Amino acid sequence: MTSVGVVTPFWLDRPPAEAVDIAVVADEAGFGTLWIGEMATFDAFALATAVGLRTSSISLKIGPLAVGVRSPVALALGLSTVVVMTGRRAGLALGASSPRIVTEWHGRDWEPVRRMRETVRDTRAILDGNRVAGFRSQQPVPGTPISVAAFGPAMTRVAAAVADEVVLNLVSAEHVANTKKQVSALASVPPPLAVWIPAALDPGPATLHQLRAQLAVYLSPPGYGEMFTALGHGTLVEQSRAGRPRAELARAIPTDLIEAVGAIGSAQDVADRVDEYFDAGAEHVGLVPATAEDPAGHGLLTTLSPLLTKGRR
């Protein structure tokens, strides 16, 4: 069974507390899952607790959080705190992140592949109530699903081996289909695949600018750049890697690149686009609502919910 959830975005041109407003709208609209990541605003576990206290039933997926920044003990304590304090179902997601965030921001070693294997193993054991390195949680949460964000062959192999779910962000439907094949070939029982996509109803200039600014961040990183090149936008990737200012790159991004990795247009256009990702092999689609002209994604989420949640869990 497929499902559609909502992702709290990190729009730099919007107030950080809008994340809670988005959560409330998603809950009231009937979406079943809310993803809560972490960048440069709130601690994800603290935000998830606030969201759980402001909403009624939506389940929470915390992350993807940068692996190696928190120990398995810290991750398990954070997850169990959210569950106990809110009475809400919650899952955990981990990702490689980047050397800048892991090493420069947090002062940790950049060893994503090894760290991911060890962190998933030990965090799962602690949440299940087992003793790890002398520590045993007094508030275990057995059976907590752990998702792993995968981009690139090394992390895809790890995700296929240890994750309860594989997560992709800002990718084309074709990339989803390719990853589905890879994961299916790597695991006898392949984990389900989730994908995050930016979404907007009938976007105007401010919304398109917001979406372009996000895409400009992803033009140069390994993996993303190659995907955008395959989609026919190699010149932008080359310019980004050569140091062209991000603001200039954002202005140069064509609408068809946004459409290739997102869902924009009429309500039916967005719903059809979500179905393309399901047809490509995703079991879950997380909508990242653009909010430049639609505060808290209210118009998008309330309009799309009847089309996207019907017949799904």
Foldseek 3Di string as FASTA:
>chain_A
DFFEAAEADDQVVDDPVLSLVLLALLQVLPHAEYEFADDPDDDQLVVLLVSLVNHDAHAYEYDLDAQQLDALVVVQVSVLCSCVNRVHHYAYEHENPDCCCNCVVRNGDRDRLVRVLVSLVSNQCQLLQHADPNDHDPRHNHPHFYEYEDFDDSSLLVRLVRGLEYEYEQAFLLVLLVSLVVSVVNHVDGHAYEYEAEEDEPDDPQLLLSLLLVVLVQCADPRSVVRVVVVPPNVLSVCVVVPDDSSVSSVVDDPVSSVRRHFYYHLVSRLVRVVSSVVSGHRYYYYHYRPRPPRSNNVVSNSNSVSRGVPHD
